[in-house]
Amino acid sequence: MSAYGMAHLENVDMGPQIVEYLERIDGTLSPFSGKFIVHGGRQDVVEGTSNGAFIVIEFPDREHLEGWYASDAYREILPLRAEHSDGLVIMADGVDADHKATDILG
């Protein structure tokens, strides 16, 4: 089942460190079959407030997601983002194609 790395980033300092992070992150994702499914583009807040950007990276499963996040390659570039933005980073499992909202009740 797919797993997702999600971030809501605010106060991003688009200086050289973030540029380097962006230039290098794709190379860290490839060995773990990670791919951006939301990154930039139009984002409209329809409830609540946000001054940031929402990013979603899809992985084949939780093992790939956790492997990527713990990898030496990603750990090397992580400070480039973390020290130049504020935000929330979440790991979440996806659901099956036939999932219904009431499935969480049982």
Protein backbone atom coordinates (compact mmCIF):
# COMPACT_ATOMS: atom_id res chain seq x y z
CA MET A 1 0.00 0.00 0.00
CA SER A 2 1.33 3.44 -0.87
CA ALA A 3 2.72 5.70 1.84
CA TYR A 4 3.14 9.46 1.75
CA GLY A 5 5.62 11.97 3.04
CA MET A 6 3.80 15.27 3.46
CA ALA A 7 4.99 18.69 4.49
CA HIS A 8 3.37 22.04 5.13
CA LEU A 9 6.18 24.58 4.89
CA GLU A 10 6.04 28.24 5.81
CA ASN A 11 8.58 31.05 5.97
CA VAL A 12 10.77 29.42 3.35
CA ASP A 13 13.96 31.41 2.81
CA MET A 14 14.50 30.86 -0.93
CA GLY A 15 18.25 31.41 -0.62
CA PRO A 16 21.11 29.23 -1.83
CA GLN A 17 20.50 26.48 0.76
CA ILE A 18 16.91 25.85 -0.38
CA VAL A 19 18.02 25.97 -4.01
CA GLU A 20 20.66 23.32 -3.26
CA TYR A 21 18.06 21.22 -1.41
CA LEU A 22 15.74 21.37 -4.42
CA GLU A 23 18.56 20.49 -6.79
CA ARG A 24 19.51 17.42 -4.75
CA ILE A 25 16.24 15.97 -3.39
CA ASP A 26 15.21 14.13 -6.57
CA GLY A 27 18.41 12.08 -6.40
CA THR A 28 17.55 10.99 -2.86
CA LEU A 29 14.05 9.90 -3.88
CA SER A 30 15.00 7.71 -6.86
CA PRO A 31 16.46 4.73 -4.93
CA PHE A 32 13.23 4.54 -2.90
CA SER A 33 10.82 5.02 -5.84
CA GLY A 34 9.58 8.28 -4.34
CA LYS A 35 7.84 10.84 -6.54
CA PHE A 36 6.30 14.23 -6.00
CA ILE A 37 2.54 14.26 -6.46
CA VAL A 38 1.99 17.77 -5.03
CA HIS A 39 4.79 20.34 -5.16
CA GLY A 40 4.21 23.96 -5.96
CA GLY A 41 1.48 24.92 -8.35
CA ARG A 42 -1.86 26.32 -7.39
CA GLN A 43 -2.99 25.74 -3.82
CA ASP A 44 -6.22 27.28 -2.58
CA VAL A 45 -7.05 27.25 1.13
CA VAL A 46 -10.81 26.70 1.39
CA GLU A 47 -11.00 26.20 5.18
CA GLY A 48 -8.67 27.60 7.82
CA THR A 49 -5.59 29.67 7.14
CA SER A 50 -2.22 28.96 5.61
CA ASN A 51 0.68 31.04 4.43
CA GLY A 52 2.69 28.09 3.27
CA ALA A 53 3.07 25.40 0.68
CA PHE A 54 1.81 21.81 0.88
CA ILE A 55 4.04 19.07 -0.53
CA VAL A 56 3.21 15.37 -0.98
CA ILE A 57 5.70 12.67 -1.99
CA GLU A 58 4.38 9.19 -2.78
CA PHE A 59 6.28 5.97 -2.06
CA PRO A 60 5.31 2.36 -2.85
CA ASP A 61 4.96 1.55 0.86
CA ARG A 62 5.94 2.63 4.39
CA GLU A 63 9.26 0.74 4.21
CA HIS A 64 10.38 2.81 1.20
CA LEU A 65 9.22 6.07 2.83
CA GLU A 66 11.01 5.40 6.11
CA GLY A 67 14.10 4.16 4.26
CA TRP A 68 14.27 7.38 2.26
CA TYR A 69 13.83 9.65 5.28
CA ALA A 70 16.53 7.76 7.23
CA SER A 71 18.92 7.46 4.27
CA ASP A 72 22.35 9.06 4.42
CA ALA A 73 21.63 10.91 1.18
CA TYR A 74 18.50 12.58 2.55
CA ARG A 75 19.97 13.19 6.02
CA GLU A 76 22.81 15.05 4.33
CA ILE A 77 20.47 17.59 2.71
CA LEU A 78 17.77 17.75 5.40
CA PRO A 79 19.39 20.68 7.28
CA LEU A 80 19.30 22.72 4.08
CA ARG A 81 15.49 22.70 4.32
CA ALA A 82 14.95 22.44 8.06
CA GLU A 83 17.21 25.37 8.91
CA HIS A 84 15.64 27.62 6.26
CA SER A 85 11.91 26.98 6.67
CA ASP A 86 9.29 26.32 9.32
CA GLY A 87 6.82 23.56 9.01
CA LEU A 88 5.25 20.26 9.73
CA VAL A 89 6.41 16.95 8.22
CA ILE A 90 4.16 13.87 8.39
CA MET A 91 4.38 10.24 7.27
CA ALA A 92 1.04 8.61 6.46
CA ASP A 93 -0.14 5.34 5.01
CA GLY A 94 -2.49 5.37 2.06
CA VAL A 95 -5.72 3.40 1.85
CA ASP A 96 -7.00 0.70 -0.50
CA ALA A 97 -8.89 1.77 -3.62
CA ASP A 98 -12.18 0.52 -2.14
CA HIS A 99 -11.77 2.38 1.18
CA LYS A 100 -14.90 3.99 2.65
CA ALA A 101 -14.93 6.65 5.35
CA THR A 102 -16.75 4.33 7.76
CA ASP A 103 -13.91 1.76 7.57
CA ILE A 104 -12.12 3.62 10.37
CA LEU A 105 -15.02 2.87 12.73
CA GLY A 106 -14.56 -0.87 12.78
